């Protein structure tokens, strides 16, 4: 049993309770324009090229059968459209200017890395979070890994956007302690113009999750000019107020730190703006009138 992994991040503190290890799986069913993990959208491996690290040594050129790497006027050039992400060039690079995002790992290999930090989970009340991309799309791998984690007594969490048939999530529920569920907004235009996913499927899956009595939190990435209005947040929290198993609601400010990832993948980066701290705090206090809200700095806002 293998999964396609883009990264395994240790000592994560914002992906669930305590200190956690977050496993990022490749492949997503939506395409959020502001995504800060673009390398996890495609389910296939991708070559990352850090142009600022390249010293034009040309060692990569003969390794590429498709001619993606070339030397022109003494300088290295890379044509992403010709790359098949075979990874042959990565091992030849002297300066780590080339890296492969997306590797197949077995459940046992991932579990071995996770268990090396068991003491941190035990001391902090942490555990393991599956993220992405959309981890639910790699259901067989997730189910096998989650079963192993529960056998080891480790707290499990899943981050999801809910855009898929509910049966894919339902199969994982017996081995999940917590679900972090993203709601981008209630206006259908947000989903059609910015998320490229189906709002009704996302909302219906959240209601079904609540009906199955699973503990979950809901998060909204707040993007200025998109969903940072009181009207939009009010629509979300009024819907959440009807759910019985919501632990808390969290507003997460957009940041543009993912731009470097688009550059190294040779993908277009669409510019959005982050909400001001004042605006975010105002929305948090407003949302707290309807549901329990969690703030990173203040803790729970009642």
C-alpha atoms as a PDB file:
ATOM      1  CA  UNK A   1       0.000   0.000   0.000  1.00  0.00           C
ATOM      2  CA  UNK A   2       1.555   3.281  -1.116  1.00  0.00           C
ATOM      3  CA  UNK A   3       0.495   6.916  -1.154  1.00  0.00           C
ATOM      4  CA  UNK A   4       1.791   9.879  -3.126  1.00  0.00           C
ATOM      5  CA  UNK A   5       3.275  12.262  -0.561  1.00  0.00           C
ATOM      6  CA  UNK A   6       4.353  15.847  -1.193  1.00  0.00           C
ATOM      7  CA  UNK A   7       5.767  16.491   2.279  1.00  0.00           C
ATOM      8  CA  UNK A   8       5.860  15.297   5.880  1.00  0.00           C
ATOM      9  CA  UNK A   9       6.077  18.212   8.269  1.00  0.00           C
ATOM     10  CA  UNK A  10       7.167  17.603  11.848  1.00  0.00           C
ATOM     11  CA  UNK A  11       6.461  19.788  14.878  1.00  0.00           C
ATOM     12  CA  UNK A  12       3.331  21.358  13.362  1.00  0.00           C
ATOM     13  CA  UNK A  13       1.328  23.382  15.890  1.00  0.00           C
ATOM     14  CA  UNK A  14      -1.581  24.741  13.825  1.00  0.00           C
ATOM     15  CA  UNK A  15      -2.917  21.485  12.361  1.00  0.00           C
ATOM     16  CA  UNK A  16      -4.828  20.235  15.383  1.00  0.00           C
ATOM     17  CA  UNK A  17      -4.203  19.928  19.114  1.00  0.00           C
ATOM     18  CA  UNK A  18      -0.681  19.720  20.522  1.00  0.00           C
ATOM     19  CA  UNK A  19       2.498  19.075  18.574  1.00  0.00           C
ATOM     20  CA  UNK A  20       1.753  17.124  15.422  1.00  0.00           C
ATOM     21  CA  UNK A  21       3.231  15.554  12.341  1.00  0.00           C
ATOM     22  CA  UNK A  22       1.341  16.604   9.217  1.00  0.00           C
ATOM     23  CA  UNK A  23       1.373  14.310   6.202  1.00  0.00           C
ATOM     24  CA  UNK A  24       0.614  16.188   2.977  1.00  0.00           C
ATOM     25  CA  UNK A  25      -0.844  14.013   0.239  1.00  0.00           C
ATOM     26  CA  UNK A  26      -0.968  15.022  -3.423  1.00  0.00           C
ATOM     27  CA  UNK A  27      -4.169  15.447  -5.401  1.00  0.00           C
ATOM     28  CA  UNK A  28      -7.092  17.817  -4.890  1.00  0.00           C
ATOM     29  CA  UNK A  29     -10.689  17.914  -6.106  1.00  0.00           C
ATOM     30  CA  UNK A  30     -10.836  21.730  -6.086  1.00  0.00           C
ATOM     31  CA  UNK A  31      -8.532  24.473  -7.309  1.00  0.00           C
ATOM     32  CA  UNK A  32      -8.546  27.369  -4.875  1.00  0.00           C
ATOM     33  CA  UNK A  33      -6.931  30.348  -6.569  1.00  0.00           C
ATOM     34  CA  UNK A  34      -5.235  31.341  -3.306  1.00  0.00           C
ATOM     35  CA  UNK A  35      -3.908  27.862  -2.481  1.00  0.00           C
ATOM     36  CA  UNK A  36      -0.597  28.042  -0.597  1.00  0.00           C
ATOM     37  CA  UNK A  37       0.211  24.386  -1.365  1.00  0.00           C
ATOM     38  CA  UNK A  38       0.027  24.343  -5.195  1.00  0.00           C
ATOM     39  CA  UNK A  39       2.386  21.380  -5.318  1.00  0.00           C
ATOM     40  CA  UNK A  40      -0.344  19.276  -3.729  1.00  0.00           C
ATOM     41  CA  UNK A  41      -3.066  20.042  -6.298  1.00  0.00           C
ATOM     42  CA  UNK A  42      -1.865  17.620  -8.952  1.00  0.00           C
ATOM     43  CA  UNK A  43      -1.873  13.950  -8.032  1.00  0.00           C
ATOM     44  CA  UNK A  44       1.281  13.363 -10.084  1.00  0.00           C
ATOM     45  CA  UNK A  45       4.922  14.074  -9.190  1.00  0.00           C
ATOM     46  CA  UNK A  46       6.201  17.510 -10.288  1.00  0.00           C
ATOM     47  CA  UNK A  47       9.688  18.884 -10.746  1.00  0.00           C
ATOM     48  CA  UNK A  48      10.474  22.002  -8.740  1.00  0.00           C
ATOM     49  CA  UNK A  49      13.114  24.325 -10.159  1.00  0.00           C
ATOM     50  CA  UNK A  50      14.793  26.882  -7.867  1.00  0.00           C
ATOM     51  CA  UNK A  51      16.328  29.185 -10.458  1.00  0.00           C
ATOM     52  CA  UNK A  52      18.172  31.262  -7.854  1.00  0.00           C
ATOM     53  CA  UNK A  53      20.162  28.208  -6.768  1.00  0.00           C
ATOM     54  CA  UNK A  54      21.217  27.133 -10.261  1.00  0.00           C
ATOM     55  CA  UNK A  55      24.910  27.606 -11.142  1.00  0.00           C
ATOM     56  CA  UNK A  56      24.501  26.429 -14.765  1.00  0.00           C
ATOM     57  CA  UNK A  57      26.797  23.454 -14.285  1.00  0.00           C
ATOM     58  CA  UNK A  58      24.875  21.595 -17.052  1.00  0.00           C
ATOM     59  CA  UNK A  59      24.998  18.248 -15.252  1.00  0.00           C
ATOM     60  CA  UNK A  60      21.218  17.920 -15.633  1.00  0.00           C
ATOM     61  CA  UNK A  61      21.169  18.451 -19.415  1.00  0.00           C
ATOM     62  CA  UNK A  62      22.240  14.956 -20.595  1.00  0.00           C
ATOM     63  CA  UNK A  63      19.960  13.222 -18.070  1.00  0.00           C
ATOM     64  CA  UNK A  64      16.751  14.551 -19.657  1.00  0.00           C
ATOM     65  CA  UNK A  65      15.524  12.473 -22.590  1.00  0.00           C
ATOM     66  CA  UNK A  66      12.919  15.116 -23.474  1.00  0.00           C
ATOM     67  CA  UNK A  67      15.240  18.099 -23.622  1.00  0.00           C
ATOM     68  CA  UNK A  68      13.600  20.029 -20.789  1.00  0.00           C
ATOM     69  CA  UNK A  69      17.036  21.173 -19.601  1.00  0.00           C
ATOM     70  CA  UNK A  70      19.171  23.153 -22.042  1.00  0.00           C
ATOM     71  CA  UNK A  71      22.197  25.428 -22.070  1.00  0.00           C
ATOM     72  CA  UNK A  72      21.736  28.693 -23.951  1.00  0.00           C
ATOM     73  CA  UNK A  73      24.502  31.287 -24.095  1.00  0.00           C
ATOM     74  CA  UNK A  74      26.219  29.546 -21.206  1.00  0.00           C
ATOM     75  CA  UNK A  75      23.178  29.589 -18.950  1.00  0.00           C
ATOM     76  CA  UNK A  76      20.794  26.833 -17.953  1.00  0.00           C
ATOM     77  CA  UNK A  77      17.165  27.049 -19.080  1.00  0.00           C
ATOM     78  CA  UNK A  78      14.281  24.797 -18.093  1.00  0.00           C
ATOM     79  CA  UNK A  79      11.159  24.135 -20.189  1.00  0.00           C
ATOM     80  CA  UNK A  80       8.534  22.844 -17.790  1.00  0.00           C
ATOM     81  CA  UNK A  81       6.217  21.813 -20.646  1.00  0.00           C
ATOM     82  CA  UNK A  82       8.701  19.129 -21.714  1.00  0.00           C
ATOM     83  CA  UNK A  83       9.264  17.719 -18.224  1.00  0.00           C
ATOM     84  CA  UNK A  84       7.753  14.343 -17.275  1.00  0.00           C
ATOM     85  CA  UNK A  85       8.950  14.555 -13.653  1.00  0.00           C
ATOM     86  CA  UNK A  86      10.971  11.368 -13.946  1.00  0.00           C
ATOM     87  CA  UNK A  87      13.438  12.779 -11.407  1.00  0.00           C
ATOM     88  CA  UNK A  88      16.552  11.657 -13.245  1.00  0.00           C
ATOM     89  CA  UNK A  89      18.019  15.161 -13.120  1.00  0.00           C
ATOM     90  CA  UNK A  90      17.525  15.685  -9.409  1.00  0.00           C
ATOM     91  CA  UNK A  91      20.386  13.486  -8.301  1.00  0.00           C
ATOM     92  CA  UNK A  92      22.802  15.250 -10.668  1.00  0.00           C
ATOM     93  CA  UNK A  93      22.118  18.748  -9.342  1.00  0.00           C
ATOM     94  CA  UNK A  94      24.980  20.048  -7.191  1.00  0.00           C
ATOM     95  CA  UNK A  95      23.087  22.888  -5.529  1.00  0.00           C
ATOM     96  CA  UNK A  96      19.632  21.402  -4.885  1.00  0.00           C
ATOM     97  CA  UNK A  97      18.137  23.649  -7.564  1.00  0.00           C
ATOM     98  CA  UNK A  98      16.021  20.685  -8.688  1.00  0.00           C
ATOM     99  CA  UNK A  99      13.666  18.766  -6.435  1.00  0.00           C
ATOM    100  CA  UNK A 100      10.836  16.343  -6.997  1.00  0.00           C
ATOM    101  CA  UNK A 101       7.530  17.048  -5.295  1.00  0.00           C
ATOM    102  CA  UNK A 102       5.582  13.857  -4.961  1.00  0.00           C
ATOM    103  CA  UNK A 103       7.011  10.531  -3.960  1.00  0.00           C
ATOM    104  CA  UNK A 104       5.443   7.153  -3.386  1.00  0.00           C
ATOM    105  CA  UNK A 105       5.841   5.919   0.159  1.00  0.00           C
ATOM    106  CA  UNK A 106       4.434   2.837   1.817  1.00  0.00           C
ATOM    107  CA  UNK A 107       2.312   2.988   4.944  1.00  0.00           C
ATOM    108  CA  UNK A 108       5.207   1.423   6.834  1.00  0.00           C
ATOM    109  CA  UNK A 109       7.672   4.070   5.647  1.00  0.00           C
ATOM    110  CA  UNK A 110       5.393   6.937   6.660  1.00  0.00           C
ATOM    111  CA  UNK A 111       4.541   5.278   9.974  1.00  0.00           C
ATOM    112  CA  UNK A 112       8.227   4.873  10.795  1.00  0.00           C
ATOM    113  CA  UNK A 113       8.771   8.631  10.417  1.00  0.00           C
ATOM    114  CA  UNK A 114       5.686   9.423  12.478  1.00  0.00           C
ATOM    115  CA  UNK A 115       6.556   7.130  15.374  1.00  0.00           C
ATOM    116  CA  UNK A 116       9.984   8.718  15.789  1.00  0.00           C
ATOM    117  CA  UNK A 117       8.191  11.703  17.386  1.00  0.00           C
ATOM    118  CA  UNK A 118       5.806   9.745  19.591  1.00  0.00           C
ATOM    119  CA  UNK A 119       7.156  11.352  22.772  1.00  0.00           C
ATOM    120  CA  UNK A 120       6.137  14.815  21.526  1.00  0.00           C
ATOM    121  CA  UNK A 121       2.577  13.651  20.870  1.00  0.00           C
ATOM    122  CA  UNK A 122       2.354  12.102  24.314  1.00  0.00           C
ATOM    123  CA  UNK A 123       3.747  15.141  26.142  1.00  0.00           C
ATOM    124  CA  UNK A 124       1.697  17.751  24.233  1.00  0.00           C
ATOM    125  CA  UNK A 125      -1.549  15.922  23.525  1.00  0.00           C
ATOM    126  CA  UNK A 126      -0.689  15.981  19.839  1.00  0.00           C
ATOM    127  CA  UNK A 127      -0.762  13.421  17.078  1.00  0.00           C
ATOM    128  CA  UNK A 128      -0.896  13.120  13.304  1.00  0.00           C
ATOM    129  CA  UNK A 129      -2.830  15.174  10.759  1.00  0.00           C
ATOM    130  CA  UNK A 130      -3.495  14.127   7.164  1.00  0.00           C
ATOM    131  CA  UNK A 131      -3.622  17.107   4.832  1.00  0.00           C
ATOM    132  CA  UNK A 132      -3.084  17.989   1.215  1.00  0.00           C
ATOM    133  CA  UNK A 133      -4.351  18.647  -1.371  1.00  0.00           C
ATOM    134  CA  UNK A 134      -7.358  16.576  -0.505  1.00  0.00           C
ATOM    135  CA  UNK A 135      -6.196  13.480   1.421  1.00  0.00           C
ATOM    136  CA  UNK A 136      -9.592  11.789   1.173  1.00  0.00           C
ATOM    137  CA  UNK A 137      -8.914  11.150  -2.528  1.00  0.00           C
ATOM    138  CA  UNK A 138      -6.205   8.664  -1.511  1.00  0.00           C
ATOM    139  CA  UNK A 139      -8.693   6.720   0.565  1.00  0.00           C
ATOM    140  CA  UNK A 140      -7.016   3.311   0.559  1.00  0.00           C
ATOM    141  CA  UNK A 141      -3.727   4.716   1.775  1.00  0.00           C
ATOM    142  CA  UNK A 142      -5.358   6.994   4.357  1.00  0.00           C
ATOM    143  CA  UNK A 143      -7.477   4.197   5.767  1.00  0.00           C
ATOM    144  CA  UNK A 144      -4.499   1.848   6.104  1.00  0.00           C
ATOM    145  CA  UNK A 145      -2.351   4.541   7.751  1.00  0.00           C
ATOM    146  CA  UNK A 146      -5.103   5.687  10.113  1.00  0.00           C
ATOM    147  CA  UNK A 147      -5.715   2.118  11.265  1.00  0.00           C
ATOM    148  CA  UNK A 148      -2.023   1.757  12.109  1.00  0.00           C
ATOM    149  CA  UNK A 149      -2.019   5.066  13.978  1.00  0.00           C
ATOM    150  CA  UNK A 150      -5.011   4.062  16.097  1.00  0.00           C
ATOM    151  CA  UNK A 151      -3.342   0.714  16.848  1.00  0.00           C
ATOM    152  CA  UNK A 152      -0.410   2.779  18.165  1.00  0.00           C
ATOM    153  CA  UNK A 153      -2.738   4.925  20.292  1.00  0.00           C
ATOM    154  CA  UNK A 154      -1.987   8.140  18.356  1.00  0.00           C
ATOM    155  CA  UNK A 155      -4.530  10.955  17.994  1.00  0.00           C
ATOM    156  CA  UNK A 156      -5.621  11.381  14.368  1.00  0.00           C
ATOM    157  CA  UNK A 157      -6.908  14.388  12.500  1.00  0.00           C
ATOM    158  CA  UNK A 158      -7.962  15.045   8.899  1.00  0.00           C
ATOM    159  CA  UNK A 159      -7.978  18.367   7.057  1.00  0.00           C
ATOM    160  CA  UNK A 160     -10.514  18.418   4.255  1.00  0.00           C
ATOM    161  CA  UNK A 161     -12.515  20.731   2.004  1.00  0.00           C
ATOM    162  CA  UNK A 162     -15.365  18.252   1.559  1.00  0.00           C
ATOM    163  CA  UNK A 163     -15.651  18.322  -2.235  1.00  0.00           C
ATOM    164  CA  UNK A 164     -16.204  14.629  -3.113  1.00  0.00           C
ATOM    165  CA  UNK A 165     -18.831  11.873  -2.633  1.00  0.00           C
ATOM    166  CA  UNK A 166     -19.490  11.485   1.103  1.00  0.00           C
ATOM    167  CA  UNK A 167     -18.754   7.753   0.983  1.00  0.00           C
ATOM    168  CA  UNK A 168     -15.048   8.574   0.533  1.00  0.00           C
ATOM    169  CA  UNK A 169     -14.987  10.370   3.874  1.00  0.00           C
ATOM    170  CA  UNK A 170     -17.373   7.994   5.615  1.00  0.00           C
ATOM    171  CA  UNK A 171     -14.985   5.051   5.275  1.00  0.00           C
ATOM    172  CA  UNK A 172     -12.326   6.946   7.252  1.00  0.00           C
ATOM    173  CA  UNK A 173     -14.518   8.063  10.156  1.00  0.00           C
ATOM    174  CA  UNK A 174     -13.944   5.045  12.449  1.00  0.00           C
ATOM    175  CA  UNK A 175     -10.238   5.925  12.696  1.00  0.00           C
ATOM    176  CA  UNK A 176     -10.474   9.706  13.028  1.00  0.00           C
ATOM    177  CA  UNK A 177     -10.537  11.645  16.298  1.00  0.00           C
ATOM    178  CA  UNK A 178     -11.025  15.058  14.732  1.00  0.00           C
ATOM    179  CA  UNK A 179     -11.817  16.619  11.363  1.00  0.00           C
ATOM    180  CA  UNK A 180     -10.802  20.139  10.353  1.00  0.00           C
ATOM    181  CA  UNK A 181     -13.294  21.148   7.681  1.00  0.00           C
ATOM    182  CA  UNK A 182     -12.814  24.152   5.401  1.00  0.00           C
ATOM    183  CA  UNK A 183     -15.732  26.338   4.384  1.00  0.00           C
ATOM    184  CA  UNK A 184     -14.582  29.049   1.978  1.00  0.00           C
ATOM    185  CA  UNK A 185     -17.876  30.960   2.015  1.00  0.00           C
ATOM    186  CA  UNK A 186     -21.607  30.714   1.437  1.00  0.00           C
ATOM    187  CA  UNK A 187     -21.891  32.810  -1.728  1.00  0.00           C
ATOM    188  CA  UNK A 188     -21.942  30.429  -4.698  1.00  0.00           C
ATOM    189  CA  UNK A 189     -19.838  32.936  -6.675  1.00  0.00           C
ATOM    190  CA  UNK A 190     -16.917  32.322  -4.312  1.00  0.00           C
ATOM    191  CA  UNK A 191     -16.903  28.644  -5.262  1.00  0.00           C
ATOM    192  CA  UNK A 192     -17.385  29.189  -8.978  1.00  0.00           C
ATOM    193  CA  UNK A 193     -14.865  32.024  -9.360  1.00  0.00           C
ATOM    194  CA  UNK A 194     -12.204  31.298  -6.762  1.00  0.00           C
ATOM    195  CA  UNK A 195     -12.495  27.723  -5.448  1.00  0.00           C
ATOM    196  CA  UNK A 196     -13.625  25.818  -8.544  1.00  0.00           C
ATOM    197  CA  UNK A 197     -15.484  23.302  -6.416  1.00  0.00           C
ATOM    198  CA  UNK A 198     -19.125  22.560  -5.722  1.00  0.00           C
ATOM    199  CA  UNK A 199     -20.558  24.469  -2.760  1.00  0.00           C
ATOM    200  CA  UNK A 200     -23.612  22.261  -2.309  1.00  0.00           C
ATOM    201  CA  UNK A 201     -21.550  19.077  -2.112  1.00  0.00           C
ATOM    202  CA  UNK A 202     -19.254  20.697   0.450  1.00  0.00           C
ATOM    203  CA  UNK A 203     -22.102  21.921   2.662  1.00  0.00           C
ATOM    204  CA  UNK A 204     -24.106  18.712   2.360  1.00  0.00           C
ATOM    205  CA  UNK A 205     -21.090  16.626   3.388  1.00  0.00           C
ATOM    206  CA  UNK A 206     -20.605  18.818   6.455  1.00  0.00           C
ATOM    207  CA  UNK A 207     -24.228  18.285   7.500  1.00  0.00           C
ATOM    208  CA  UNK A 208     -23.884  14.535   7.007  1.00  0.00           C
ATOM    209  CA  UNK A 209     -20.696  14.568   9.071  1.00  0.00           C
ATOM    210  CA  UNK A 210     -22.597  16.251  11.892  1.00  0.00           C
ATOM    211  CA  UNK A 211     -25.383  13.693  11.599  1.00  0.00           C
ATOM    212  CA  UNK A 212     -22.769  10.952  12.049  1.00  0.00           C
ATOM    213  CA  UNK A 213     -21.791  12.519  15.400  1.00  0.00           C
ATOM    214  CA  UNK A 214     -18.161  13.153  14.474  1.00  0.00           C
ATOM    215  CA  UNK A 215     -16.182  15.888  16.276  1.00  0.00           C
ATOM    216  CA  UNK A 216     -15.085  18.598  13.873  1.00  0.00           C
ATOM    217  CA  UNK A 217     -13.912  22.180  13.649  1.00  0.00           C
ATOM    218  CA  UNK A 218     -14.645  24.495  10.748  1.00  0.00           C
ATOM    219  CA  UNK A 219     -12.117  26.936   9.302  1.00  0.00           C
ATOM    220  CA  UNK A 220     -12.492  29.753   6.815  1.00  0.00           C
ATOM    221  CA  UNK A 221      -9.473  31.220   5.031  1.00  0.00           C
ATOM    222  CA  UNK A 222     -10.283  34.942   5.044  1.00  0.00           C
ATOM    223  CA  UNK A 223      -9.353  36.717   1.824  1.00  0.00           C
ATOM    224  CA  UNK A 224      -9.784  40.474   1.484  1.00  0.00           C
ATOM    225  CA  UNK A 225     -12.410  41.413  -1.069  1.00  0.00           C
ATOM    226  CA  UNK A 226     -13.649  37.827  -1.358  1.00  0.00           C
ATOM    227  CA  UNK A 227     -15.184  36.653   1.911  1.00  0.00           C
ATOM    228  CA  UNK A 228     -14.117  39.205   4.537  1.00  0.00           C
ATOM    229  CA  UNK A 229     -17.533  40.840   4.943  1.00  0.00           C
ATOM    230  CA  UNK A 230     -19.804  40.534   7.965  1.00  0.00           C
ATOM    231  CA  UNK A 231     -22.534  39.403   5.600  1.00  0.00           C
ATOM    232  CA  UNK A 232     -20.489  36.429   4.395  1.00  0.00           C
ATOM    233  CA  UNK A 233     -19.263  35.395   7.848  1.00  0.00           C
ATOM    234  CA  UNK A 234     -22.778  35.760   9.257  1.00  0.00           C
ATOM    235  CA  UNK A 235     -24.129  33.386   6.607  1.00  0.00           C
ATOM    236  CA  UNK A 236     -21.483  30.831   7.556  1.00  0.00           C
ATOM    237  CA  UNK A 237     -21.918  30.989  11.334  1.00  0.00           C
ATOM    238  CA  UNK A 238     -25.712  30.917  11.142  1.00  0.00           C
ATOM    239  CA  UNK A 239     -25.391  27.648   9.238  1.00  0.00           C
ATOM    240  CA  UNK A 240     -22.820  26.350  11.734  1.00  0.00           C
ATOM    241  CA  UNK A 241     -25.052  27.256  14.665  1.00  0.00           C
ATOM    242  CA  UNK A 242     -27.447  24.503  13.613  1.00  0.00           C
ATOM    243  CA  UNK A 243     -24.775  21.799  13.883  1.00  0.00           C
ATOM    244  CA  UNK A 244     -24.443  19.770  17.088  1.00  0.00           C
ATOM    245  CA  UNK A 245     -20.879  18.485  16.918  1.00  0.00           C
ATOM    246  CA  UNK A 246     -18.959  21.632  15.982  1.00  0.00           C
ATOM    247  CA  UNK A 247     -16.123  22.145  18.482  1.00  0.00           C
ATOM    248  CA  UNK A 248     -15.189  25.632  17.339  1.00  0.00           C
ATOM    249  CA  UNK A 249     -14.943  27.920  14.323  1.00  0.00           C
ATOM    250  CA  UNK A 250     -11.696  29.521  13.191  1.00  0.00           C
ATOM    251  CA  UNK A 251     -10.899  32.361  10.806  1.00  0.00           C
ATOM    252  CA  UNK A 252      -7.503  31.989   9.148  1.00  0.00           C
ATOM    253  CA  UNK A 253      -6.006  35.064   7.431  1.00  0.00           C
ATOM    254  CA  UNK A 254      -4.829  34.614   3.863  1.00  0.00           C
ATOM    255  CA  UNK A 255      -1.115  35.070   3.258  1.00  0.00           C
ATOM    256  CA  UNK A 256       0.848  35.229   0.034  1.00  0.00           C
ATOM    257  CA  UNK A 257       3.849  33.270   1.291  1.00  0.00           C
ATOM    258  CA  UNK A 258       3.088  30.481  -1.180  1.00  0.00           C
ATOM    259  CA  UNK A 259       4.208  32.587  -4.163  1.00  0.00           C
ATOM    260  CA  UNK A 260       7.655  30.981  -4.147  1.00  0.00           C
ATOM    261  CA  UNK A 261       5.992  27.603  -4.660  1.00  0.00           C
ATOM    262  CA  UNK A 262       4.271  28.837  -7.819  1.00  0.00           C
ATOM    263  CA  UNK A 263       7.570  30.222  -9.081  1.00  0.00           C
ATOM    264  CA  UNK A 264       9.445  26.953  -8.662  1.00  0.00           C
ATOM    265  CA  UNK A 265       6.599  25.071 -10.379  1.00  0.00           C
ATOM    266  CA  UNK A 266       6.506  27.656 -13.186  1.00  0.00           C
ATOM    267  CA  UNK A 267       2.825  28.347 -12.490  1.00  0.00           C
ATOM    268  CA  UNK A 268       0.938  31.620 -12.512  1.00  0.00           C
ATOM    269  CA  UNK A 269       0.355  33.170  -9.093  1.00  0.00           C
ATOM    270  CA  UNK A 270      -2.889  35.085  -8.686  1.00  0.00           C
ATOM    271  CA  UNK A 271      -2.508  37.965  -6.270  1.00  0.00           C
ATOM    272  CA  UNK A 272      -4.945  38.315  -3.382  1.00  0.00           C
ATOM    273  CA  UNK A 273      -4.831  40.555  -0.343  1.00  0.00           C
ATOM    274  CA  UNK A 274      -4.764  39.589   3.329  1.00  0.00           C
ATOM    275  CA  UNK A 275      -7.356  41.121   5.661  1.00  0.00           C
ATOM    276  CA  UNK A 276      -6.098  43.665   8.150  1.00  0.00           C
ATOM    277  CA  UNK A 277      -5.622  42.521  11.740  1.00  0.00           C
ATOM    278  CA  UNK A 278      -8.400  44.893  12.772  1.00  0.00           C
ATOM    279  CA  UNK A 279     -10.768  43.447  10.192  1.00  0.00           C
ATOM    280  CA  UNK A 280      -9.998  39.876  11.201  1.00  0.00           C
ATOM    281  CA  UNK A 281     -10.505  40.588  14.911  1.00  0.00           C
ATOM    282  CA  UNK A 282     -13.791  42.343  14.147  1.00  0.00           C
ATOM    283  CA  UNK A 283     -15.009  39.316  12.198  1.00  0.00           C
ATOM    284  CA  UNK A 284     -13.911  36.963  14.990  1.00  0.00           C
ATOM    285  CA  UNK A 285     -15.819  38.935  17.615  1.00  0.00           C
ATOM    286  CA  UNK A 286     -18.830  39.092  15.323  1.00  0.00           C
ATOM    287  CA  UNK A 287     -18.735  35.325  14.638  1.00  0.00           C
ATOM    288  CA  UNK A 288     -18.462  34.650  18.380  1.00  0.00           C
ATOM    289  CA  UNK A 289     -21.976  36.005  18.802  1.00  0.00           C
ATOM    290  CA  UNK A 290     -23.218  32.878  17.039  1.00  0.00           C
ATOM    291  CA  UNK A 291     -20.679  30.072  17.650  1.00  0.00           C
ATOM    292  CA  UNK A 292     -17.578  29.285  19.694  1.00  0.00           C
ATOM    293  CA  UNK A 293     -14.580  30.877  17.997  1.00  0.00           C
ATOM    294  CA  UNK A 294     -10.910  30.023  18.395  1.00  0.00           C
ATOM    295  CA  UNK A 295      -8.202  32.662  18.036  1.00  0.00           C
ATOM    296  CA  UNK A 296      -4.515  31.678  17.893  1.00  0.00           C
ATOM    297  CA  UNK A 297      -3.481  34.524  20.190  1.00  0.00           C
ATOM    298  CA  UNK A 298      -6.443  34.747  22.540  1.00  0.00           C
ATOM    299  CA  UNK A 299      -7.597  31.145  22.646  1.00  0.00           C
ATOM    300  CA  UNK A 300     -11.333  30.638  22.731  1.00  0.00           C
ATOM    301  CA  UNK A 301     -13.556  33.657  22.243  1.00  0.00           C
ATOM    302  CA  UNK A 302     -16.874  33.069  23.980  1.00  0.00           C
END
